[in-house]
Amino acid sequence: MIEITGYENIGKGKYRTTFDNGTTCVLYRTEAVRYSIMEGAFISEADYEKLITEVVGKRAKKRALHLLEQMDRSERKLREKLTQGGYPDCCVDAAIDYVKSFHYLDDYRFASTYVRYHQDSLSRRQLEQKLMTKGIGRDDINCAIDSEYTADEKKHIAKLLEKKHYDPDNCDEKEFRRIYQFLMRRGFKSSQILSAMRSQLP
């Protein structure tokens, strides 16, 4: 038998439920009533497995699908959202495997799409950094950029210089340094920046 060591009302008909085996999950009131869940009570191993697998686990799969319908996500970000929703690790793992089995979750595809739609506003280095923060692996990032990145960074720098109203003939050292640092923060290489800034813009 497994003891319910915690049963906390967290609002909207939800209860954070803790078992003495270390598992914590969120149950709806109707689910808890169905399995006679209350603090200090016990649940059989069979009912516990059924609760976690058929109730919480099934809900985790539906939640994962819903989150992916809202927007494309990396595996790490989807895991984070499910964990934040109160799903235990075993249910998160099962939900991830479930959506992967239908190819709804694919980090390489996510990275490729991200590169395709953001390459006109972000440098190659910025794209790498953004994808890394989203939990995409280095191999997937490199493959996605190699296959999708077609932006001309020299033209990109030129457009940004134009937006900054940069005039190479009438720019003092302070202004030159300010714009240079701005472009460095955007992820462009120093050699590319200096080459563009020292050239007469059309």
N, C-alpha and C. Protein backbone atom coordinates (compact mmCIF):
# COMPACT_ATOMS: atom_id res chain seq x y z
N MET A 1 0.84 -1.21 0.00
CA MET A 1 0.00 0.00 0.00
C MET A 1 0.88 1.26 0.00
N ILE A 2 0.37 2.30 -0.63
CA ILE A 2 1.09 3.57 -0.71
C ILE A 2 0.29 4.63 0.04
N GLU A 3 0.97 5.36 0.92
CA GLU A 3 0.29 6.38 1.73
C GLU A 3 0.27 7.72 1.00
N ILE A 4 -0.86 8.43 1.13
CA ILE A 4 -0.96 9.80 0.63
C ILE A 4 -0.49 10.71 1.75
N THR A 5 0.66 11.32 1.58
CA THR A 5 1.25 12.14 2.65
C THR A 5 0.94 13.62 2.51
N GLY A 6 0.37 14.01 1.39
CA GLY A 6 0.01 15.41 1.20
C GLY A 6 -1.15 15.56 0.24
N TYR A 7 -2.06 16.46 0.56
CA TYR A 7 -3.22 16.69 -0.29
C TYR A 7 -3.63 18.15 -0.12
N GLU A 8 -3.10 19.02 -0.98
CA GLU A 8 -3.22 20.47 -0.81
C GLU A 8 -4.07 21.09 -1.91
N ASN A 9 -5.06 21.86 -1.50
CA ASN A 9 -5.92 22.57 -2.44
C ASN A 9 -5.14 23.75 -3.04
N ILE A 10 -4.94 23.74 -4.36
CA ILE A 10 -4.18 24.83 -5.00
C ILE A 10 -5.09 25.68 -5.90
N GLY A 11 -6.39 25.52 -5.74
CA GLY A 11 -7.35 26.34 -6.46
C GLY A 11 -7.82 25.74 -7.77
N LYS A 12 -8.96 26.25 -8.25
CA LYS A 12 -9.56 25.82 -9.51
C LYS A 12 -9.82 24.31 -9.55
N GLY A 13 -10.20 23.77 -8.38
CA GLY A 13 -10.53 22.35 -8.32
C GLY A 13 -9.35 21.42 -8.42
N LYS A 14 -8.14 21.94 -8.20
CA LYS A 14 -6.93 21.13 -8.30
C LYS A 14 -6.31 20.91 -6.92
N TYR A 15 -5.69 19.73 -6.76
CA TYR A 15 -5.06 19.37 -5.49
C TYR A 15 -3.67 18.79 -5.74
N ARG A 16 -2.68 19.42 -5.10
CA ARG A 16 -1.32 18.87 -5.19
C ARG A 16 -1.25 17.68 -4.25
N THR A 17 -1.00 16.51 -4.81
CA THR A 17 -1.06 15.26 -4.06
C THR A 17 0.32 14.62 -3.99
N THR A 18 0.73 14.26 -2.78
CA THR A 18 2.05 13.67 -2.57
C THR A 18 1.91 12.28 -1.98
N PHE A 19 2.69 11.35 -2.51
CA PHE A 19 2.67 9.96 -2.04
C PHE A 19 3.97 9.65 -1.32
N ASP A 20 3.95 8.64 -0.48
CA ASP A 20 5.15 8.35 0.32
C ASP A 20 6.28 7.71 -0.49
N ASN A 21 6.04 7.45 -1.78
CA ASN A 21 7.12 6.95 -2.64
C ASN A 21 7.87 8.10 -3.31
N GLY A 22 7.49 9.34 -2.95
CA GLY A 22 8.18 10.50 -3.48
C GLY A 22 7.50 11.17 -4.66
N THR A 23 6.47 10.55 -5.21
CA THR A 23 5.77 11.12 -6.36
C THR A 23 4.82 12.23 -5.93
N THR A 24 4.83 13.31 -6.68
CA THR A 24 3.89 14.41 -6.47
C THR A 24 3.22 14.71 -7.79
N CYS A 25 1.91 14.87 -7.76
CA CYS A 25 1.18 15.21 -8.98
C CYS A 25 -0.01 16.08 -8.62
N VAL A 26 -0.62 16.65 -9.63
CA VAL A 26 -1.81 17.47 -9.43
C VAL A 26 -3.02 16.67 -9.89
N LEU A 27 -4.01 16.57 -9.01
CA LEU A 27 -5.25 15.86 -9.34
C LEU A 27 -6.43 16.81 -9.31
N TYR A 28 -7.40 16.57 -10.17
CA TYR A 28 -8.66 17.29 -10.08
C TYR A 28 -9.50 16.64 -8.99
N ARG A 29 -10.41 17.41 -8.44
CA ARG A 29 -11.24 16.92 -7.33
C ARG A 29 -11.97 15.63 -7.70
N THR A 30 -12.53 15.57 -8.91
CA THR A 30 -13.27 14.37 -9.33
C THR A 30 -12.36 13.15 -9.40
N GLU A 31 -11.11 13.36 -9.82
CA GLU A 31 -10.15 12.25 -9.89
C GLU A 31 -9.80 11.76 -8.49
N ALA A 32 -9.61 12.72 -7.58
CA ALA A 32 -9.26 12.36 -6.21
C ALA A 32 -10.39 11.59 -5.53
N VAL A 33 -11.62 12.03 -5.76
CA VAL A 33 -12.78 11.36 -5.15
C VAL A 33 -12.90 9.94 -5.68
N ARG A 34 -12.68 9.76 -6.98
CA ARG A 34 -12.80 8.45 -7.60
C ARG A 34 -11.85 7.43 -6.98
N TYR A 35 -10.67 7.91 -6.55
CA TYR A 35 -9.68 7.01 -5.96
C TYR A 35 -9.56 7.17 -4.44
N SER A 36 -10.54 7.84 -3.84
CA SER A 36 -10.58 8.04 -2.37
C SER A 36 -9.28 8.64 -1.84
N ILE A 37 -8.81 9.66 -2.54
CA ILE A 37 -7.56 10.31 -2.15
C ILE A 37 -7.80 11.33 -1.06
N MET A 38 -7.07 11.22 0.03
CA MET A 38 -7.08 12.21 1.10
C MET A 38 -5.82 12.01 1.93
N GLU A 39 -5.37 13.06 2.57
CA GLU A 39 -4.13 12.97 3.33
C GLU A 39 -4.26 11.93 4.44
N GLY A 40 -3.26 11.06 4.53
CA GLY A 40 -3.24 10.02 5.55
C GLY A 40 -3.87 8.72 5.10
N ALA A 41 -4.57 8.75 3.96
CA ALA A 41 -5.19 7.53 3.45
C ALA A 41 -4.16 6.70 2.68
N PHE A 42 -4.56 5.49 2.32
CA PHE A 42 -3.67 4.60 1.56
C PHE A 42 -4.33 4.20 0.24
N ILE A 43 -3.50 3.94 -0.74
CA ILE A 43 -3.98 3.50 -2.04
C ILE A 43 -3.18 2.26 -2.44
N SER A 44 -3.86 1.28 -3.02
CA SER A 44 -3.16 0.05 -3.40
C SER A 44 -2.19 0.32 -4.55
N GLU A 45 -1.22 -0.56 -4.68
CA GLU A 45 -0.23 -0.42 -5.76
C GLU A 45 -0.94 -0.42 -7.12
N ALA A 46 -1.93 -1.29 -7.27
CA ALA A 46 -2.64 -1.41 -8.54
C ALA A 46 -3.40 -0.13 -8.87
N ASP A 47 -4.10 0.42 -7.86
CA ASP A 47 -4.85 1.66 -8.09
C ASP A 47 -3.91 2.84 -8.33
N TYR A 48 -2.79 2.83 -7.64
CA TYR A 48 -1.80 3.90 -7.83
C TYR A 48 -1.29 3.88 -9.28
N GLU A 49 -0.93 2.71 -9.77
CA GLU A 49 -0.43 2.59 -11.14
C GLU A 49 -1.50 3.03 -12.15
N LYS A 50 -2.75 2.65 -11.86
CA LYS A 50 -3.85 3.04 -12.74
C LYS A 50 -4.04 4.55 -12.73
N LEU A 51 -3.96 5.14 -11.54
CA LEU A 51 -4.12 6.59 -11.39
C LEU A 51 -3.04 7.35 -12.16
N ILE A 52 -1.80 6.93 -11.96
CA ILE A 52 -0.68 7.62 -12.60
C ILE A 52 -0.66 7.40 -14.11
N THR A 53 -0.91 6.18 -14.52
CA THR A 53 -0.82 5.84 -15.95
C THR A 53 -2.05 6.26 -16.75
N GLU A 54 -3.22 5.86 -16.27
CA GLU A 54 -4.44 6.06 -17.05
C GLU A 54 -5.12 7.40 -16.83
N VAL A 55 -4.84 8.03 -15.69
CA VAL A 55 -5.48 9.32 -15.41
C VAL A 55 -4.50 10.47 -15.63
N VAL A 56 -3.48 10.54 -14.78
CA VAL A 56 -2.52 11.65 -14.88
C VAL A 56 -1.69 11.53 -16.17
N GLY A 57 -1.25 10.32 -16.48
CA GLY A 57 -0.45 10.13 -17.69
C GLY A 57 -1.21 10.47 -18.96
N LYS A 58 -2.46 10.06 -19.02
CA LYS A 58 -3.29 10.35 -20.19
C LYS A 58 -3.51 11.85 -20.32
N ARG A 59 -3.72 12.51 -19.18
CA ARG A 59 -3.91 13.96 -19.20
C ARG A 59 -2.64 14.68 -19.65
N ALA A 60 -1.48 14.14 -19.24
CA ALA A 60 -0.19 14.74 -19.64
C ALA A 60 -0.01 14.67 -21.15
N LYS A 61 -0.42 13.56 -21.75
CA LYS A 61 -0.31 13.41 -23.20
C LYS A 61 -1.20 14.43 -23.92
N LYS A 62 -2.41 14.60 -23.41
CA LYS A 62 -3.33 15.56 -24.02
C LYS A 62 -2.78 16.98 -23.86
N ARG A 63 -2.20 17.25 -22.70
CA ARG A 63 -1.63 18.58 -22.45
C ARG A 63 -0.46 18.85 -23.38
N ALA A 64 0.37 17.84 -23.59
CA ALA A 64 1.52 17.99 -24.49
C ALA A 64 1.05 18.30 -25.91
N LEU A 65 0.03 17.59 -26.36
CA LEU A 65 -0.52 17.84 -27.70
C LEU A 65 -1.07 19.26 -27.80
N HIS A 66 -1.78 19.68 -26.77
CA HIS A 66 -2.36 21.03 -26.76
C HIS A 66 -1.28 22.10 -26.81
N LEU A 67 -0.21 21.91 -26.04
CA LEU A 67 0.89 22.87 -26.03
C LEU A 67 1.58 22.96 -27.39
N LEU A 68 1.68 21.83 -28.07
CA LEU A 68 2.31 21.82 -29.40
C LEU A 68 1.37 22.39 -30.47
N GLU A 69 0.07 22.31 -30.22
CA GLU A 69 -0.89 22.92 -31.15
C GLU A 69 -0.81 24.44 -31.06
N GLN A 70 -0.52 24.94 -29.85
CA GLN A 70 -0.41 26.38 -29.65
C GLN A 70 0.79 26.94 -30.39
N MET A 71 1.91 26.25 -30.29
CA MET A 71 3.14 26.68 -30.95
C MET A 71 4.15 25.55 -30.94
N ASP A 72 5.06 25.59 -31.90
CA ASP A 72 6.13 24.60 -31.96
C ASP A 72 7.07 24.84 -30.80
N ARG A 73 7.54 23.77 -30.16
CA ARG A 73 8.41 23.90 -28.99
C ARG A 73 9.54 22.89 -29.08
N SER A 74 10.63 23.21 -28.38
CA SER A 74 11.72 22.25 -28.26
C SER A 74 11.34 21.24 -27.19
N GLU A 75 12.03 20.11 -27.17
CA GLU A 75 11.74 19.09 -26.17
C GLU A 75 11.94 19.64 -24.76
N ARG A 76 13.02 20.39 -24.55
CA ARG A 76 13.28 20.90 -23.20
C ARG A 76 12.19 21.84 -22.74
N LYS A 77 11.73 22.74 -23.62
CA LYS A 77 10.69 23.68 -23.25
C LYS A 77 9.36 22.98 -22.99
N LEU A 78 9.08 21.93 -23.75
CA LEU A 78 7.85 21.17 -23.52
C LEU A 78 7.93 20.46 -22.18
N ARG A 79 9.08 19.88 -21.87
CA ARG A 79 9.27 19.24 -20.57
C ARG A 79 9.05 20.24 -19.43
N GLU A 80 9.60 21.43 -19.60
CA GLU A 80 9.47 22.45 -18.56
C GLU A 80 8.01 22.82 -18.34
N LYS A 81 7.25 22.99 -19.42
CA LYS A 81 5.83 23.34 -19.31
C LYS A 81 5.03 22.24 -18.62
N LEU A 82 5.31 21.00 -18.95
CA LEU A 82 4.59 19.88 -18.33
C LEU A 82 4.95 19.77 -16.85
N THR A 83 6.21 19.95 -16.53
CA THR A 83 6.64 19.89 -15.13
C THR A 83 6.00 21.01 -14.33
N GLN A 84 5.94 22.21 -14.92
CA GLN A 84 5.30 23.34 -14.26
C GLN A 84 3.82 23.07 -14.02
N GLY A 85 3.24 22.24 -14.87
CA GLY A 85 1.83 21.90 -14.73
C GLY A 85 1.56 20.86 -13.66
N GLY A 86 2.62 20.40 -12.99
CA GLY A 86 2.44 19.46 -11.89
C GLY A 86 2.46 18.00 -12.27
N TYR A 87 2.92 17.70 -13.47
CA TYR A 87 3.00 16.30 -13.89
C TYR A 87 4.31 15.67 -13.40
N PRO A 88 4.25 14.47 -12.83
CA PRO A 88 5.48 13.81 -12.36
C PRO A 88 6.36 13.39 -13.53
N ASP A 89 7.63 13.15 -13.24
CA ASP A 89 8.61 12.84 -14.29
C ASP A 89 8.19 11.67 -15.17
N CYS A 90 7.62 10.63 -14.55
CA CYS A 90 7.25 9.45 -15.34
C CYS A 90 6.18 9.79 -16.37
N CYS A 91 5.25 10.69 -16.01
CA CYS A 91 4.20 11.09 -16.94
C CYS A 91 4.74 12.03 -18.01
N VAL A 92 5.68 12.89 -17.62
CA VAL A 92 6.32 13.78 -18.59
C VAL A 92 7.07 12.97 -19.63
N ASP A 93 7.84 11.98 -19.16
CA ASP A 93 8.59 11.11 -20.09
C ASP A 93 7.66 10.39 -21.05
N ALA A 94 6.55 9.88 -20.52
CA ALA A 94 5.60 9.14 -21.37
C ALA A 94 4.95 10.07 -22.39
N ALA A 95 4.64 11.30 -21.96
CA ALA A 95 4.02 12.26 -22.87
C ALA A 95 4.98 12.67 -23.98
N ILE A 96 6.25 12.86 -23.62
CA ILE A 96 7.27 13.21 -24.62
C ILE A 96 7.42 12.08 -25.64
N ASP A 97 7.50 10.85 -25.14
CA ASP A 97 7.62 9.69 -26.04
C ASP A 97 6.40 9.59 -26.96
N TYR A 98 5.24 9.90 -26.40
CA TYR A 98 3.99 9.82 -27.16
C TYR A 98 3.99 10.80 -28.34
N VAL A 99 4.29 12.07 -28.07
CA VAL A 99 4.26 13.05 -29.16
C VAL A 99 5.40 12.82 -30.16
N LYS A 100 6.51 12.29 -29.65
CA LYS A 100 7.62 11.97 -30.56
C LYS A 100 7.24 10.85 -31.52
N SER A 101 6.44 9.91 -31.03
CA SER A 101 6.07 8.76 -31.86
C SER A 101 5.25 9.18 -33.08
N PHE A 102 4.60 10.35 -32.99
CA PHE A 102 3.83 10.88 -34.11
C PHE A 102 4.59 11.99 -34.84
N HIS A 103 5.85 12.18 -34.43
CA HIS A 103 6.71 13.22 -35.03
C HIS A 103 6.16 14.63 -34.80
N TYR A 104 5.40 14.79 -33.70
CA TYR A 104 4.91 16.12 -33.36
C TYR A 104 6.02 16.94 -32.69
N LEU A 105 7.00 16.26 -32.17
CA LEU A 105 8.11 16.91 -31.47
C LEU A 105 9.40 16.51 -32.15
N ASP A 106 10.10 17.50 -32.69
CA ASP A 106 11.32 17.23 -33.44
C ASP A 106 12.22 18.46 -33.31
N ASP A 107 13.29 18.35 -32.53
CA ASP A 107 14.15 19.50 -32.27
C ASP A 107 14.83 20.02 -33.54
N TYR A 108 15.20 19.12 -34.43
CA TYR A 108 15.83 19.57 -35.68
C TYR A 108 14.84 20.37 -36.52
N ARG A 109 13.60 19.89 -36.61
CA ARG A 109 12.59 20.61 -37.37
C ARG A 109 12.31 21.97 -36.73
N PHE A 110 12.25 21.98 -35.39
CA PHE A 110 12.03 23.23 -34.67
C PHE A 110 13.14 24.23 -34.99
N ALA A 111 14.40 23.76 -34.92
CA ALA A 111 15.55 24.63 -35.19
C ALA A 111 15.53 25.13 -36.62
N SER A 112 15.21 24.26 -37.56
CA SER A 112 15.18 24.65 -38.98
C SER A 112 14.13 25.74 -39.23
N THR A 113 12.96 25.55 -38.64
CA THR A 113 11.89 26.54 -38.79
C THR A 113 12.29 27.87 -38.16
N TYR A 114 12.91 27.79 -36.99
CA TYR A 114 13.33 29.00 -36.29
C TYR A 114 14.34 29.78 -37.12
N VAL A 115 15.32 29.08 -37.67
CA VAL A 115 16.34 29.72 -38.51
C VAL A 115 15.70 30.36 -39.73
N ARG A 116 14.81 29.63 -40.36
CA ARG A 116 14.17 30.10 -41.60
C ARG A 116 13.41 31.41 -41.38
N TYR A 117 12.71 31.50 -40.25
CA TYR A 117 11.86 32.66 -40.02
C TYR A 117 12.55 33.82 -39.28
N HIS A 118 13.73 33.58 -38.73
CA HIS A 118 14.40 34.65 -37.96
C HIS A 118 15.74 35.08 -38.54
N GLN A 119 16.17 34.47 -39.63
CA GLN A 119 17.49 34.79 -40.15
C GLN A 119 17.61 36.21 -40.70
N ASP A 120 16.48 36.83 -41.05
CA ASP A 120 16.54 38.20 -41.56
C ASP A 120 16.69 39.24 -40.45
N SER A 121 16.43 38.83 -39.21
CA SER A 121 16.52 39.78 -38.10
C SER A 121 17.60 39.41 -37.09
N LEU A 122 18.14 38.20 -37.18
CA LEU A 122 19.17 37.76 -36.24
C LEU A 122 20.40 37.28 -36.99
N SER A 123 21.57 37.52 -36.41
CA SER A 123 22.80 37.03 -37.01
C SER A 123 22.93 35.53 -36.76
N ARG A 124 23.86 34.91 -37.45
CA ARG A 124 24.10 33.48 -37.28
C ARG A 124 24.40 33.16 -35.81
N ARG A 125 25.25 33.97 -35.20
CA ARG A 125 25.62 33.73 -33.80
C ARG A 125 24.43 33.91 -32.86
N GLN A 126 23.59 34.91 -33.14
CA GLN A 126 22.40 35.11 -32.32
C GLN A 126 21.44 33.93 -32.45
N LEU A 127 21.30 33.42 -33.66
CA LEU A 127 20.44 32.25 -33.86
C LEU A 127 20.94 31.07 -33.04
N GLU A 128 22.26 30.86 -33.05
CA GLU A 128 22.85 29.76 -32.27
C GLU A 128 22.54 29.94 -30.78
N GLN A 129 22.71 31.17 -30.28
CA GLN A 129 22.49 31.44 -28.87
C GLN A 129 21.02 31.27 -28.49
N LYS A 130 20.13 31.77 -29.34
CA LYS A 130 18.69 31.66 -29.06
C LYS A 130 18.26 30.19 -29.01
N LEU A 131 18.74 29.41 -29.96
CA LEU A 131 18.37 27.99 -30.01
C LEU A 131 18.94 27.22 -28.83
N MET A 132 20.14 27.59 -28.40
CA MET A 132 20.73 26.93 -27.23
C MET A 132 19.90 27.20 -25.98
N THR A 133 19.40 28.44 -25.82
CA THR A 133 18.58 28.76 -24.65
C THR A 133 17.25 28.02 -24.69
N LYS A 134 16.83 27.58 -25.86
CA LYS A 134 15.59 26.82 -25.98
C LYS A 134 15.82 25.32 -25.81
N GLY A 135 17.08 24.96 -25.52
CA GLY A 135 17.37 23.57 -25.23
C GLY A 135 17.69 22.71 -26.44
N ILE A 136 17.95 23.32 -27.58
CA ILE A 136 18.29 22.55 -28.78
C ILE A 136 19.75 22.13 -28.72
N GLY A 137 20.03 20.89 -29.08
CA GLY A 137 21.39 20.37 -29.05
C GLY A 137 22.27 20.98 -30.13
N ARG A 138 23.57 21.00 -29.87
CA ARG A 138 24.53 21.62 -30.79
C ARG A 138 24.45 21.01 -32.20
N ASP A 139 24.34 19.68 -32.30
CA ASP A 139 24.28 19.04 -33.61
C ASP A 139 23.07 19.49 -34.41
N ASP A 140 21.90 19.55 -33.75
CA ASP A 140 20.69 19.99 -34.43
C ASP A 140 20.80 21.45 -34.87
N ILE A 141 21.42 22.27 -34.02
CA ILE A 141 21.60 23.69 -34.36
C ILE A 141 22.48 23.83 -35.59
N ASN A 142 23.62 23.16 -35.56
CA ASN A 142 24.56 23.26 -36.68
C ASN A 142 23.94 22.78 -37.99
N CYS A 143 23.24 21.65 -37.92
CA CYS A 143 22.61 21.10 -39.14
C CYS A 143 21.53 22.04 -39.66
N ALA A 144 20.74 22.61 -38.74
CA ALA A 144 19.67 23.51 -39.15
C ALA A 144 20.22 24.77 -39.80
N ILE A 145 21.26 25.34 -39.20
CA ILE A 145 21.85 26.56 -39.75
C ILE A 145 22.52 26.27 -41.09
N ASP A 146 23.22 25.16 -41.17
CA ASP A 146 23.89 24.79 -42.43
C ASP A 146 22.89 24.61 -43.57
N SER A 147 21.72 24.08 -43.25
CA SER A 147 20.75 23.78 -44.30
C SER A 147 19.80 24.95 -44.60
N GLU A 148 19.57 25.82 -43.61
CA GLU A 148 18.54 26.85 -43.77
C GLU A 148 19.07 28.29 -43.85
N TYR A 149 20.25 28.53 -43.29
CA TYR A 149 20.73 29.91 -43.20
C TYR A 149 21.26 30.40 -44.54
N THR A 150 20.56 31.36 -45.12
CA THR A 150 20.95 31.89 -46.43
C THR A 150 21.13 33.41 -46.41
N ALA A 151 21.01 34.01 -45.24
CA ALA A 151 21.08 35.47 -45.14
C ALA A 151 22.49 35.97 -45.46
N ASP A 152 22.54 37.15 -46.05
CA ASP A 152 23.80 37.83 -46.34
C ASP A 152 24.08 38.77 -45.17
N GLU A 153 25.04 38.40 -44.33
CA GLU A 153 25.29 39.19 -43.12
C GLU A 153 25.85 40.58 -43.44
N LYS A 154 26.54 40.71 -44.55
CA LYS A 154 27.05 42.03 -44.93
C LYS A 154 25.89 42.98 -45.22
N LYS A 155 24.87 42.47 -45.93
CA LYS A 155 23.69 43.28 -46.22
C LYS A 155 22.91 43.57 -44.94
N HIS A 156 22.88 42.58 -44.05
CA HIS A 156 22.19 42.75 -42.78
C HIS A 156 22.84 43.88 -41.98
N ILE A 157 24.16 43.87 -41.91
CA ILE A 157 24.89 44.92 -41.18
C ILE A 157 24.63 46.27 -41.84
N ALA A 158 24.66 46.31 -43.16
CA ALA A 158 24.43 47.56 -43.88
C ALA A 158 23.06 48.15 -43.57
N LYS A 159 22.04 47.28 -43.49
CA LYS A 159 20.69 47.74 -43.17
C LYS A 159 20.63 48.31 -41.76
N LEU A 160 21.30 47.65 -40.82
CA LEU A 160 21.31 48.14 -39.44
C LEU A 160 22.06 49.47 -39.34
N LEU A 161 23.14 49.61 -40.09
CA LEU A 161 23.87 50.88 -40.09
C LEU A 161 23.01 52.00 -40.66
N GLU A 162 22.23 51.66 -41.67
CA GLU A 162 21.33 52.65 -42.26
C GLU A 162 20.27 53.08 -41.26
N LYS A 163 19.73 52.11 -40.52
CA LYS A 163 18.72 52.43 -39.50
C LYS A 163 19.30 53.31 -38.40
N LYS A 164 20.59 53.12 -38.12
CA LYS A 164 21.26 53.92 -37.10
C LYS A 164 21.72 55.28 -37.65
N HIS A 165 21.41 55.53 -38.93
CA HIS A 165 21.81 56.77 -39.60
C HIS A 165 23.32 56.97 -39.54
N TYR A 166 24.02 55.88 -39.76
CA TYR A 166 25.48 55.93 -39.69
C TYR A 166 26.06 56.58 -40.93
N ASP A 167 26.93 57.57 -40.72
CA ASP A 167 27.62 58.26 -41.81
C ASP A 167 29.12 58.13 -41.58
N PRO A 168 29.80 57.28 -42.34
CA PRO A 168 31.22 57.03 -42.10
C PRO A 168 32.10 58.26 -42.24
N ASP A 169 31.62 59.27 -42.97
CA ASP A 169 32.43 60.47 -43.17
C ASP A 169 32.26 61.49 -42.06
N ASN A 170 31.18 61.35 -41.29
CA ASN A 170 30.89 62.34 -40.24
C ASN A 170 30.56 61.64 -38.92
N CYS A 171 31.39 60.70 -38.54
CA CYS A 171 31.16 59.91 -37.32
C CYS A 171 32.37 60.04 -36.42
N ASP A 172 32.16 60.58 -35.20
CA ASP A 172 33.29 60.71 -34.28
C ASP A 172 33.58 59.36 -33.61
N GLU A 173 34.66 59.33 -32.85
CA GLU A 173 35.10 58.07 -32.24
C GLU A 173 34.06 57.49 -31.28
N LYS A 174 33.40 58.35 -30.52
CA LYS A 174 32.40 57.90 -29.55
C LYS A 174 31.22 57.22 -30.26
N GLU A 175 30.74 57.85 -31.32
CA GLU A 175 29.62 57.30 -32.08
C GLU A 175 30.02 56.01 -32.79
N PHE A 176 31.24 56.01 -33.32
CA PHE A 176 31.76 54.82 -33.99
C PHE A 176 31.77 53.64 -33.03
N ARG A 177 32.27 53.87 -31.81
CA ARG A 177 32.37 52.81 -30.80
C ARG A 177 30.98 52.33 -30.38
N ARG A 178 30.04 53.27 -30.24
CA ARG A 178 28.68 52.92 -29.81
C ARG A 178 28.01 52.00 -30.83
N ILE A 179 28.12 52.35 -32.10
CA ILE A 179 27.49 51.54 -33.14
C ILE A 179 28.21 50.20 -33.30
N TYR A 180 29.52 50.23 -33.19
CA TYR A 180 30.31 48.99 -33.28
C TYR A 180 29.88 48.01 -32.18
N GLN A 181 29.75 48.51 -30.95
CA GLN A 181 29.35 47.65 -29.83
C GLN A 181 27.93 47.14 -30.01
N PHE A 182 27.07 47.97 -30.57
CA PHE A 182 25.69 47.55 -30.86
C PHE A 182 25.68 46.35 -31.80
N LEU A 183 26.49 46.42 -32.86
CA LEU A 183 26.55 45.33 -33.83
C LEU A 183 27.22 44.09 -33.26
N MET A 184 28.19 44.27 -32.39
CA MET A 184 28.83 43.13 -31.73
C MET A 184 27.81 42.39 -30.88
N ARG A 185 26.95 43.14 -30.19
CA ARG A 185 25.92 42.51 -29.36
C ARG A 185 24.91 41.76 -30.20
N ARG A 186 24.78 42.16 -31.46
CA ARG A 186 23.86 41.45 -32.36
C ARG A 186 24.48 40.17 -32.91
N GLY A 187 25.74 39.91 -32.53
CA GLY A 187 26.35 38.63 -32.89
C GLY A 187 27.18 38.62 -34.16
N PHE A 188 27.43 39.78 -34.73
CA PHE A 188 28.24 39.81 -35.96
C PHE A 188 29.73 39.77 -35.62
N LYS A 189 30.52 39.29 -36.57
CA LYS A 189 31.96 39.21 -36.37
C LYS A 189 32.58 40.61 -36.47
N SER A 190 33.62 40.82 -35.68
CA SER A 190 34.29 42.12 -35.66
C SER A 190 34.78 42.52 -37.05
N SER A 191 35.36 41.57 -37.78
CA SER A 191 35.90 41.88 -39.11
C SER A 191 34.81 42.34 -40.07
N GLN A 192 33.62 41.72 -39.97
CA GLN A 192 32.51 42.10 -40.84
C GLN A 192 32.02 43.51 -40.50
N ILE A 193 31.94 43.79 -39.20
CA ILE A 193 31.46 45.09 -38.74
C ILE A 193 32.40 46.20 -39.20
N LEU A 194 33.69 46.01 -38.93
CA LEU A 194 34.67 47.04 -39.27
C LEU A 194 34.73 47.27 -40.77
N SER A 195 34.62 46.21 -41.54
CA SER A 195 34.64 46.34 -42.99
C SER A 195 33.47 47.18 -43.48
N ALA A 196 32.28 46.92 -42.91
CA ALA A 196 31.08 47.66 -43.31
C ALA A 196 31.14 49.11 -42.85
N MET A 197 31.63 49.33 -41.63
CA MET A 197 31.64 50.68 -41.08
C MET A 197 32.68 51.57 -41.75
N ARG A 198 33.70 50.98 -42.28
CA ARG A 198 34.76 51.77 -42.91
C ARG A 198 34.53 51.98 -44.40
N SER A 199 33.43 51.41 -44.87
CA SER A 199 33.08 51.58 -46.29
C SER A 199 32.02 52.67 -46.43
N GLN A 200 32.02 53.31 -47.55
CA GLN A 200 30.99 54.32 -47.82
C GLN A 200 29.69 53.61 -48.17
N LEU A 201 28.64 53.87 -47.38
CA LEU A 201 27.36 53.24 -47.65
C LEU A 201 26.73 53.85 -48.89
N PRO A 202 25.97 53.06 -49.64
CA PRO A 202 25.31 53.59 -50.85
C PRO A 202 24.25 54.62 -50.48
